[in-house]
C-alpha atoms as a PDB file:
ATOM      1  CA  UNK A   1      17.291 -49.402 -17.715  1.00  0.00           C
ATOM      2  CA  UNK A   2      17.872 -47.194 -14.737  1.00  0.00           C
ATOM      3  CA  UNK A   3      14.750 -45.477 -13.333  1.00  0.00           C
ATOM      4  CA  UNK A   4      16.218 -41.980 -13.453  1.00  0.00           C
ATOM      5  CA  UNK A   5      16.800 -42.412 -17.217  1.00  0.00           C
ATOM      6  CA  UNK A   6      13.196 -43.581 -17.723  1.00  0.00           C
ATOM      7  CA  UNK A   7      11.435 -40.818 -15.926  1.00  0.00           C
ATOM      8  CA  UNK A   8      11.966 -37.993 -18.533  1.00  0.00           C
ATOM      9  CA  UNK A   9      10.591 -40.267 -21.281  1.00  0.00           C
ATOM     10  CA  UNK A  10       7.534 -40.893 -19.229  1.00  0.00           C
ATOM     11  CA  UNK A  11       7.021 -37.233 -18.668  1.00  0.00           C
ATOM     12  CA  UNK A  12       7.309 -36.484 -22.482  1.00  0.00           C
ATOM     13  CA  UNK A  13       4.861 -39.384 -23.241  1.00  0.00           C
ATOM     14  CA  UNK A  14       2.289 -37.963 -20.834  1.00  0.00           C
ATOM     15  CA  UNK A  15       2.550 -34.507 -22.426  1.00  0.00           C
ATOM     16  CA  UNK A  16       2.003 -36.015 -25.838  1.00  0.00           C
ATOM     17  CA  UNK A  17      -1.043 -37.853 -24.500  1.00  0.00           C
ATOM     18  CA  UNK A  18      -2.434 -34.649 -23.027  1.00  0.00           C
ATOM     19  CA  UNK A  19      -2.025 -32.948 -26.413  1.00  0.00           C
ATOM     20  CA  UNK A  20      -4.096 -35.609 -28.060  1.00  0.00           C
ATOM     21  CA  UNK A  21      -7.050 -35.319 -25.604  1.00  0.00           C
ATOM     22  CA  UNK A  22     -10.117 -33.446 -26.762  1.00  0.00           C
ATOM     23  CA  UNK A  23     -10.150 -29.759 -25.960  1.00  0.00           C
ATOM     24  CA  UNK A  24     -12.301 -28.735 -22.950  1.00  0.00           C
ATOM     25  CA  UNK A  25     -12.193 -32.150 -21.300  1.00  0.00           C
ATOM     26  CA  UNK A  26      -9.586 -31.103 -18.809  1.00  0.00           C
ATOM     27  CA  UNK A  27     -10.134 -27.432 -17.948  1.00  0.00           C
ATOM     28  CA  UNK A  28      -8.466 -26.043 -14.812  1.00  0.00           C
ATOM     29  CA  UNK A  29      -9.574 -22.353 -14.777  1.00  0.00           C
ATOM     30  CA  UNK A  30      -8.436 -19.407 -12.666  1.00  0.00           C
ATOM     31  CA  UNK A  31     -11.536 -17.560 -11.623  1.00  0.00           C
ATOM     32  CA  UNK A  32     -10.080 -14.761  -9.632  1.00  0.00           C
ATOM     33  CA  UNK A  33      -7.088 -13.665  -7.590  1.00  0.00           C
ATOM     34  CA  UNK A  34      -7.658 -11.195  -4.771  1.00  0.00           C
ATOM     35  CA  UNK A  35      -4.693  -9.253  -3.360  1.00  0.00           C
ATOM     36  CA  UNK A  36      -5.657  -6.262  -1.182  1.00  0.00           C
ATOM     37  CA  UNK A  37      -4.218  -3.153  -2.884  1.00  0.00           C
ATOM     38  CA  UNK A  38      -3.137  -1.804   0.553  1.00  0.00           C
ATOM     39  CA  UNK A  39      -3.172  -2.789   4.205  1.00  0.00           C
ATOM     40  CA  UNK A  40      -2.015  -1.152   7.365  1.00  0.00           C
ATOM     41  CA  UNK A  41       1.345  -2.002   9.062  1.00  0.00           C
ATOM     42  CA  UNK A  42       0.815  -4.557  11.907  1.00  0.00           C
ATOM     43  CA  UNK A  43      -2.482  -5.906  10.511  1.00  0.00           C
ATOM     44  CA  UNK A  44      -3.399  -9.031   8.571  1.00  0.00           C
ATOM     45  CA  UNK A  45      -3.689  -9.438   4.819  1.00  0.00           C
ATOM     46  CA  UNK A  46      -5.796 -12.110   3.165  1.00  0.00           C
ATOM     47  CA  UNK A  47      -4.689 -13.337  -0.285  1.00  0.00           C
ATOM     48  CA  UNK A  48      -7.144 -15.423  -2.263  1.00  0.00           C
ATOM     49  CA  UNK A  49      -6.753 -17.655  -5.277  1.00  0.00           C
ATOM     50  CA  UNK A  50     -10.032 -18.911  -6.676  1.00  0.00           C
ATOM     51  CA  UNK A  51     -10.161 -21.562  -9.286  1.00  0.00           C
ATOM     52  CA  UNK A  52     -12.229 -24.379 -10.824  1.00  0.00           C
ATOM     53  CA  UNK A  53     -10.690 -27.846 -11.311  1.00  0.00           C
ATOM     54  CA  UNK A  54     -13.651 -29.369 -13.170  1.00  0.00           C
ATOM     55  CA  UNK A  55     -12.216 -32.665 -14.538  1.00  0.00           C
ATOM     56  CA  UNK A  56      -8.691 -31.943 -13.434  1.00  0.00           C
ATOM     57  CA  UNK A  57      -7.076 -32.940 -10.180  1.00  0.00           C
ATOM     58  CA  UNK A  58      -5.095 -30.443  -8.104  1.00  0.00           C
ATOM     59  CA  UNK A  59      -1.381 -30.952  -7.879  1.00  0.00           C
ATOM     60  CA  UNK A  60      -0.305 -27.728  -6.123  1.00  0.00           C
ATOM     61  CA  UNK A  61      -0.999 -24.123  -5.366  1.00  0.00           C
ATOM     62  CA  UNK A  62       2.127 -21.896  -5.039  1.00  0.00           C
ATOM     63  CA  UNK A  63       2.406 -18.305  -3.935  1.00  0.00           C
ATOM     64  CA  UNK A  64       5.235 -16.004  -4.801  1.00  0.00           C
ATOM     65  CA  UNK A  65       6.223 -12.524  -3.701  1.00  0.00           C
ATOM     66  CA  UNK A  66       8.398 -10.573  -6.257  1.00  0.00           C
ATOM     67  CA  UNK A  67       9.189 -13.934  -7.902  1.00  0.00           C
ATOM     68  CA  UNK A  68      10.241 -15.654  -4.624  1.00  0.00           C
ATOM     69  CA  UNK A  69       8.139 -18.618  -3.370  1.00  0.00           C
ATOM     70  CA  UNK A  70       6.921 -18.304   0.222  1.00  0.00           C
ATOM     71  CA  UNK A  71       3.930 -20.690   0.374  1.00  0.00           C
ATOM     72  CA  UNK A  72       2.997 -24.015  -1.295  1.00  0.00           C
ATOM     73  CA  UNK A  73      -0.111 -26.225  -0.898  1.00  0.00           C
ATOM     74  CA  UNK A  74       0.167 -29.772  -2.100  1.00  0.00           C
ATOM     75  CA  UNK A  75      -2.892 -31.828  -1.138  1.00  0.00           C
ATOM     76  CA  UNK A  76      -1.083 -35.236  -1.340  1.00  0.00           C
ATOM     77  CA  UNK A  77       1.705 -34.088   0.927  1.00  0.00           C
ATOM     78  CA  UNK A  78       1.697 -34.482   4.713  1.00  0.00           C
ATOM     79  CA  UNK A  79       1.215 -31.825   5.887  1.00  0.00           C
ATOM     80  CA  UNK A  80      -0.148 -30.261   2.696  1.00  0.00           C
ATOM     81  CA  UNK A  81       1.048 -26.730   3.656  1.00  0.00           C
ATOM     82  CA  UNK A  82       4.563 -25.540   3.647  1.00  0.00           C
ATOM     83  CA  UNK A  83       5.951 -21.995   3.916  1.00  0.00           C
ATOM     84  CA  UNK A  84       9.389 -20.730   3.158  1.00  0.00           C
ATOM     85  CA  UNK A  85      11.311 -17.955   4.993  1.00  0.00           C
ATOM     86  CA  UNK A  86      10.971 -14.551   3.298  1.00  0.00           C
ATOM     87  CA  UNK A  87      11.573 -11.224   4.888  1.00  0.00           C
ATOM     88  CA  UNK A  88       8.428  -9.422   5.792  1.00  0.00           C
ATOM     89  CA  UNK A  89       6.220 -12.527   5.357  1.00  0.00           C
ATOM     90  CA  UNK A  90       4.552 -14.467   8.167  1.00  0.00           C
ATOM     91  CA  UNK A  91       1.996 -17.080   7.033  1.00  0.00           C
ATOM     92  CA  UNK A  92      -0.838 -18.114   9.437  1.00  0.00           C
ATOM     93  CA  UNK A  93      -1.006 -21.846   8.631  1.00  0.00           C
ATOM     94  CA  UNK A  94      -4.264 -22.266  10.715  1.00  0.00           C
ATOM     95  CA  UNK A  95      -6.135 -19.987   8.281  1.00  0.00           C
ATOM     96  CA  UNK A  96      -4.334 -20.838   5.031  1.00  0.00           C
ATOM     97  CA  UNK A  97      -5.158 -23.639   2.541  1.00  0.00           C
ATOM     98  CA  UNK A  98      -5.380 -24.244  -1.184  1.00  0.00           C
ATOM     99  CA  UNK A  99      -7.690 -21.295  -1.738  1.00  0.00           C
ATOM    100  CA  UNK A 100      -6.223 -18.574   0.391  1.00  0.00           C
ATOM    101  CA  UNK A 101      -3.143 -17.450   2.384  1.00  0.00           C
ATOM    102  CA  UNK A 102      -3.423 -15.291   5.502  1.00  0.00           C
ATOM    103  CA  UNK A 103      -0.370 -13.065   6.250  1.00  0.00           C
ATOM    104  CA  UNK A 104      -0.165 -11.824   9.840  1.00  0.00           C
ATOM    105  CA  UNK A 105       1.497  -8.760  11.381  1.00  0.00           C
ATOM    106  CA  UNK A 106       2.614  -7.334   8.045  1.00  0.00           C
ATOM    107  CA  UNK A 107       5.299  -4.797   7.889  1.00  0.00           C
ATOM    108  CA  UNK A 108       6.688  -2.514   5.153  1.00  0.00           C
ATOM    109  CA  UNK A 109       8.766  -5.215   3.656  1.00  0.00           C
ATOM    110  CA  UNK A 110       5.580  -7.134   2.795  1.00  0.00           C
ATOM    111  CA  UNK A 111       4.875  -4.564   0.008  1.00  0.00           C
ATOM    112  CA  UNK A 112       5.258  -6.014  -3.422  1.00  0.00           C
ATOM    113  CA  UNK A 113       3.762  -8.080  -6.214  1.00  0.00           C
ATOM    114  CA  UNK A 114       2.099 -11.375  -5.336  1.00  0.00           C
ATOM    115  CA  UNK A 115       1.534 -14.198  -7.723  1.00  0.00           C
ATOM    116  CA  UNK A 116      -0.641 -17.334  -7.358  1.00  0.00           C
ATOM    117  CA  UNK A 117       0.116 -20.376  -9.582  1.00  0.00           C
ATOM    118  CA  UNK A 118      -2.274 -23.362  -9.715  1.00  0.00           C
ATOM    119  CA  UNK A 119      -1.044 -26.660 -11.259  1.00  0.00           C
ATOM    120  CA  UNK A 120      -3.061 -29.772 -12.119  1.00  0.00           C
ATOM    121  CA  UNK A 121      -1.894 -33.422 -12.067  1.00  0.00           C
ATOM    122  CA  UNK A 122      -1.269 -35.648 -15.058  1.00  0.00           C
ATOM    123  CA  UNK A 123      -2.271 -36.113 -17.705  1.00  0.00           C
ATOM    124  CA  UNK A 124      -3.071 -32.429 -18.411  1.00  0.00           C
ATOM    125  CA  UNK A 125      -0.388 -30.700 -16.369  1.00  0.00           C
ATOM    126  CA  UNK A 126      -2.451 -27.544 -16.825  1.00  0.00           C
ATOM    127  CA  UNK A 127      -1.097 -24.464 -15.081  1.00  0.00           C
ATOM    128  CA  UNK A 128      -2.828 -21.099 -14.512  1.00  0.00           C
ATOM    129  CA  UNK A 129      -1.717 -18.025 -12.648  1.00  0.00           C
ATOM    130  CA  UNK A 130      -2.660 -14.485 -11.641  1.00  0.00           C
ATOM    131  CA  UNK A 131      -1.049 -11.660  -9.656  1.00  0.00           C
ATOM    132  CA  UNK A 132      -1.690  -8.433  -7.862  1.00  0.00           C
ATOM    133  CA  UNK A 133       0.249  -5.754  -5.992  1.00  0.00           C
ATOM    134  CA  UNK A 134      -0.088  -4.876  -2.258  1.00  0.00           C
ATOM    135  CA  UNK A 135       1.350  -1.838  -0.471  1.00  0.00           C
ATOM    136  CA  UNK A 136       1.685  -1.705   3.263  1.00  0.00           C
ATOM    137  CA  UNK A 137       0.870   1.685   4.667  1.00  0.00           C
ATOM    138  CA  UNK A 138       2.146   3.153   7.873  1.00  0.00           C
ATOM    139  CA  UNK A 139       0.078   6.160   9.063  1.00  0.00           C
ATOM    140  CA  UNK A 140       1.724   8.846  11.269  1.00  0.00           C
ATOM    141  CA  UNK A 141       0.849   8.899  15.041  1.00  0.00           C
ATOM    142  CA  UNK A 142       0.438  12.644  15.044  1.00  0.00           C
ATOM    143  CA  UNK A 143      -0.487  15.538  12.839  1.00  0.00           C
ATOM    144  CA  UNK A 144       1.975  17.996  11.172  1.00  0.00           C
ATOM    145  CA  UNK A 145       3.834  20.360  13.455  1.00  0.00           C
ATOM    146  CA  UNK A 146       4.401  24.028  12.718  1.00  0.00           C
ATOM    147  CA  UNK A 147       7.547  25.577  14.222  1.00  0.00           C
ATOM    148  CA  UNK A 148       9.302  28.995  14.018  1.00  0.00           C
ATOM    149  CA  UNK A 149       6.363  31.228  14.938  1.00  0.00           C
ATOM    150  CA  UNK A 150       6.958  34.424  16.922  1.00  0.00           C
ATOM    151  CA  UNK A 151       4.790  35.822  19.729  1.00  0.00           C
ATOM    152  CA  UNK A 152       3.836  39.022  17.897  1.00  0.00           C
ATOM    153  CA  UNK A 153       3.756  40.198  14.232  1.00  0.00           C
ATOM    154  CA  UNK A 154       3.217  43.529  12.399  1.00  0.00           C
ATOM    155  CA  UNK A 155       3.145  44.647   8.787  1.00  0.00           C
ATOM    156  CA  UNK A 156       6.631  44.425   7.282  1.00  0.00           C
ATOM    157  CA  UNK A 157       7.777  41.578   9.464  1.00  0.00           C
ATOM    158  CA  UNK A 158       9.030  38.403   7.813  1.00  0.00           C
ATOM    159  CA  UNK A 159       7.382  35.135   8.810  1.00  0.00           C
ATOM    160  CA  UNK A 160       9.619  32.078   8.553  1.00  0.00           C
ATOM    161  CA  UNK A 161       7.989  28.732   9.373  1.00  0.00           C
ATOM    162  CA  UNK A 162       8.679  25.015   9.070  1.00  0.00           C
ATOM    163  CA  UNK A 163       5.995  22.273   8.832  1.00  0.00           C
ATOM    164  CA  UNK A 164       7.122  18.714   9.743  1.00  0.00           C
ATOM    165  CA  UNK A 165       5.000  15.677   9.208  1.00  0.00           C
ATOM    166  CA  UNK A 166       4.881  12.593  11.416  1.00  0.00           C
ATOM    167  CA  UNK A 167       6.792   9.417  10.269  1.00  0.00           C
ATOM    168  CA  UNK A 168       4.869   7.544   7.637  1.00  0.00           C
ATOM    169  CA  UNK A 169       4.951   5.455   4.499  1.00  0.00           C
ATOM    170  CA  UNK A 170       4.249   6.488   1.819  1.00  0.00           C
ATOM    171  CA  UNK A 171       5.566   9.996   2.587  1.00  0.00           C
ATOM    172  CA  UNK A 172       3.140  12.734   3.479  1.00  0.00           C
ATOM    173  CA  UNK A 173       2.595  15.490   0.913  1.00  0.00           C
ATOM    174  CA  UNK A 174       2.724  18.840   2.746  1.00  0.00           C
ATOM    175  CA  UNK A 175       0.885  21.990   1.546  1.00  0.00           C
ATOM    176  CA  UNK A 176       0.734  25.542   2.853  1.00  0.00           C
ATOM    177  CA  UNK A 177      -2.355  27.747   2.876  1.00  0.00           C
ATOM    178  CA  UNK A 178      -2.633  31.400   3.843  1.00  0.00           C
ATOM    179  CA  UNK A 179      -6.206  32.489   4.499  1.00  0.00           C
ATOM    180  CA  UNK A 180      -7.401  29.460   2.604  1.00  0.00           C
ATOM    181  CA  UNK A 181      -5.273  30.135  -0.515  1.00  0.00           C
ATOM    182  CA  UNK A 182      -2.470  27.652  -1.475  1.00  0.00           C
ATOM    183  CA  UNK A 183       0.983  29.058  -1.499  1.00  0.00           C
ATOM    184  CA  UNK A 184       4.289  27.753  -2.930  1.00  0.00           C
ATOM    185  CA  UNK A 185       6.618  26.398  -0.181  1.00  0.00           C
ATOM    186  CA  UNK A 186      10.026  27.934   0.260  1.00  0.00           C
ATOM    187  CA  UNK A 187      11.732  24.438   0.212  1.00  0.00           C
ATOM    188  CA  UNK A 188      10.973  20.714   0.569  1.00  0.00           C
ATOM    189  CA  UNK A 189      12.916  18.013   2.312  1.00  0.00           C
ATOM    190  CA  UNK A 190      12.543  14.439   3.419  1.00  0.00           C
ATOM    191  CA  UNK A 191      14.190  12.333   6.137  1.00  0.00           C
ATOM    192  CA  UNK A 192      14.090   8.566   6.034  1.00  0.00           C
ATOM    193  CA  UNK A 193      14.548   6.283   9.050  1.00  0.00           C
ATOM    194  CA  UNK A 194      13.783   2.536   9.330  1.00  0.00           C
ATOM    195  CA  UNK A 195      11.636   2.623   6.156  1.00  0.00           C
ATOM    196  CA  UNK A 196       9.524   5.527   7.436  1.00  0.00           C
ATOM    197  CA  UNK A 197       9.677   9.023   5.925  1.00  0.00           C
ATOM    198  CA  UNK A 198       9.310  12.484   7.519  1.00  0.00           C
ATOM    199  CA  UNK A 199       8.535  15.370   5.170  1.00  0.00           C
ATOM    200  CA  UNK A 200       9.513  18.948   5.885  1.00  0.00           C
ATOM    201  CA  UNK A 201       8.425  22.118   3.971  1.00  0.00           C
ATOM    202  CA  UNK A 202       9.357  25.774   4.708  1.00  0.00           C
ATOM    203  CA  UNK A 203       7.371  28.926   4.280  1.00  0.00           C
ATOM    204  CA  UNK A 204       8.854  32.513   4.278  1.00  0.00           C
ATOM    205  CA  UNK A 205       7.029  35.645   3.415  1.00  0.00           C
ATOM    206  CA  UNK A 206       6.618  39.321   4.379  1.00  0.00           C
ATOM    207  CA  UNK A 207       3.526  40.364   6.265  1.00  0.00           C
ATOM    208  CA  UNK A 208       1.283  42.643   4.212  1.00  0.00           C
ATOM    209  CA  UNK A 209      -1.983  44.619   5.137  1.00  0.00           C
ATOM    210  CA  UNK A 210      -4.082  42.265   2.908  1.00  0.00           C
ATOM    211  CA  UNK A 211      -3.118  39.338   5.046  1.00  0.00           C
ATOM    212  CA  UNK A 212      -5.333  40.786   7.831  1.00  0.00           C
ATOM    213  CA  UNK A 213      -8.211  41.957   5.657  1.00  0.00           C
ATOM    214  CA  UNK A 214     -10.593  39.948   7.859  1.00  0.00           C
ATOM    215  CA  UNK A 215      -8.956  40.949  11.120  1.00  0.00           C
ATOM    216  CA  UNK A 216      -6.788  37.912  11.422  1.00  0.00           C
ATOM    217  CA  UNK A 217      -4.530  35.703   9.401  1.00  0.00           C
ATOM    218  CA  UNK A 218      -4.761  31.851   9.144  1.00  0.00           C
ATOM    219  CA  UNK A 219      -1.742  29.779   8.144  1.00  0.00           C
ATOM    220  CA  UNK A 220      -2.459  26.061   7.611  1.00  0.00           C
ATOM    221  CA  UNK A 221      -0.225  23.127   6.911  1.00  0.00           C
ATOM    222  CA  UNK A 222      -2.016  20.091   5.529  1.00  0.00           C
ATOM    223  CA  UNK A 223      -0.392  16.648   5.388  1.00  0.00           C
ATOM    224  CA  UNK A 224      -1.872  14.168   2.983  1.00  0.00           C
ATOM    225  CA  UNK A 225      -0.987  10.475   2.614  1.00  0.00           C
ATOM    226  CA  UNK A 226      -2.590   8.781  -0.371  1.00  0.00           C
ATOM    227  CA  UNK A 227      -2.058   5.786  -2.558  1.00  0.00           C
ATOM    228  CA  UNK A 228      -3.771   4.958  -5.835  1.00  0.00           C
ATOM    229  CA  UNK A 229      -3.102   1.364  -6.787  1.00  0.00           C
ATOM    230  CA  UNK A 230      -4.386  -1.029  -9.397  1.00  0.00           C
ATOM    231  CA  UNK A 231      -4.210  -4.840  -9.175  1.00  0.00           C
ATOM    232  CA  UNK A 232      -2.554  -6.591 -12.117  1.00  0.00           C
ATOM    233  CA  UNK A 233      -5.664  -8.689 -12.733  1.00  0.00           C
ATOM    234  CA  UNK A 234      -7.594  -5.692 -14.301  1.00  0.00           C
ATOM    235  CA  UNK A 235     -10.250  -4.558 -11.813  1.00  0.00           C
ATOM    236  CA  UNK A 236     -13.333  -2.519 -12.669  1.00  0.00           C
ATOM    237  CA  UNK A 237     -12.340   0.041 -10.061  1.00  0.00           C
ATOM    238  CA  UNK A 238      -9.182   1.331  -8.486  1.00  0.00           C
ATOM    239  CA  UNK A 239      -9.087   2.023  -4.775  1.00  0.00           C
ATOM    240  CA  UNK A 240      -7.863   5.364  -3.344  1.00  0.00           C
ATOM    241  CA  UNK A 241      -6.645   5.635   0.236  1.00  0.00           C
ATOM    242  CA  UNK A 242      -6.400   9.153   1.597  1.00  0.00           C
ATOM    243  CA  UNK A 243      -5.479  10.381   5.076  1.00  0.00           C
ATOM    244  CA  UNK A 244      -5.504  14.123   5.849  1.00  0.00           C
ATOM    245  CA  UNK A 245      -4.194  15.869   8.931  1.00  0.00           C
ATOM    246  CA  UNK A 246      -3.623  19.599   9.454  1.00  0.00           C
ATOM    247  CA  UNK A 247      -2.278  22.244  11.894  1.00  0.00           C
ATOM    248  CA  UNK A 248      -3.611  25.792  11.972  1.00  0.00           C
ATOM    249  CA  UNK A 249      -1.616  28.820  12.953  1.00  0.00           C
ATOM    250  CA  UNK A 250      -3.973  31.702  13.856  1.00  0.00           C
ATOM    251  CA  UNK A 251      -2.647  35.267  14.080  1.00  0.00           C
ATOM    252  CA  UNK A 252      -5.165  37.821  15.436  1.00  0.00           C
ATOM    253  CA  UNK A 253      -5.283  41.204  17.026  1.00  0.00           C
ATOM    254  CA  UNK A 254      -5.385  44.885  16.113  1.00  0.00           C
ATOM    255  CA  UNK A 255      -3.810  48.366  16.256  1.00  0.00           C
ATOM    256  CA  UNK A 256      -1.157  47.250  13.782  1.00  0.00           C
ATOM    257  CA  UNK A 257       0.121  44.475  15.967  1.00  0.00           C
ATOM    258  CA  UNK A 258      -1.074  40.873  15.911  1.00  0.00           C
ATOM    259  CA  UNK A 259      -0.553  38.191  18.489  1.00  0.00           C
ATOM    260  CA  UNK A 260       0.194  34.679  17.337  1.00  0.00           C
ATOM    261  CA  UNK A 261      -1.146  31.492  18.770  1.00  0.00           C
ATOM    262  CA  UNK A 262      -1.264  27.957  17.426  1.00  0.00           C
ATOM    263  CA  UNK A 263      -4.364  25.891  17.220  1.00  0.00           C
ATOM    264  CA  UNK A 264      -3.807  22.280  16.159  1.00  0.00           C
ATOM    265  CA  UNK A 265      -6.643  20.525  14.345  1.00  0.00           C
ATOM    266  CA  UNK A 266      -6.146  16.837  13.773  1.00  0.00           C
ATOM    267  CA  UNK A 267      -8.271  15.656  10.862  1.00  0.00           C
ATOM    268  CA  UNK A 268      -7.918  11.929  10.464  1.00  0.00           C
ATOM    269  CA  UNK A 269      -9.897  11.273   7.355  1.00  0.00           C
ATOM    270  CA  UNK A 270      -8.767   7.881   6.302  1.00  0.00           C
ATOM    271  CA  UNK A 271     -11.067   7.059   3.486  1.00  0.00           C
ATOM    272  CA  UNK A 272     -11.154   4.302   0.914  1.00  0.00           C
ATOM    273  CA  UNK A 273     -13.184   5.505  -1.992  1.00  0.00           C
ATOM    274  CA  UNK A 274     -13.649   3.538  -5.165  1.00  0.00           C
ATOM    275  CA  UNK A 275     -13.177   5.464  -8.384  1.00  0.00           C
ATOM    276  CA  UNK A 276     -14.596   4.295 -11.665  1.00  0.00           C
ATOM    277  CA  UNK A 277     -11.821   3.767 -14.205  1.00  0.00           C
END
């Protein structure tokens, strides 16, 4: 009998033998999978797959991104590690093994769902898996810019401004405030380039006396980049990343005429707070 005809029968026989074994004797268990919910463009990302073999023997650990395999660890192979080309993925083999994978210099294409699959050898052929999602965040290099301001304003004039964010991913959410009160923008637009997004909002209104009730008028544009992500392996808490930057337009003066000047305040409040869910 040819060997390639015999192999499937051997495989079926081993599966039948595994089914007859007492429950709990062979118990490969997935303890935890750790996929960072977000990381910054150009940095490293550590993926962890923690498991217990107990009486089983490890056959392989395989990692997938969006259902495509990019890393495999087989202890009986030489070498035991092997990575496969996948856009956006660069594996650091020196710091990767059967329990973790280190991705280096991540870019926006590394965003996606990551899955770890652990398989045991015969006779159990047990397989366990877990997954989580990671987003790669690109923060802007500068704060929002206000354009369109005039040198002097008086009651009855129409102020028409634009606020433009720096390139980022995810896109910045832009908001207007006049004297601390939120106002509805005149229009919204986005421009995409090489995966990064620039947001633009307009503001148009007529100057009224109440705008200068305190002797001056403040017009602020606030750019917020935030992401609220949950891993697929249900966590106790969901992380929130928030980055706020703002530009202030200060109009001050008297005698019915107000001089305009721009004061830029860069508030880089990148915070990762943990919210109870």
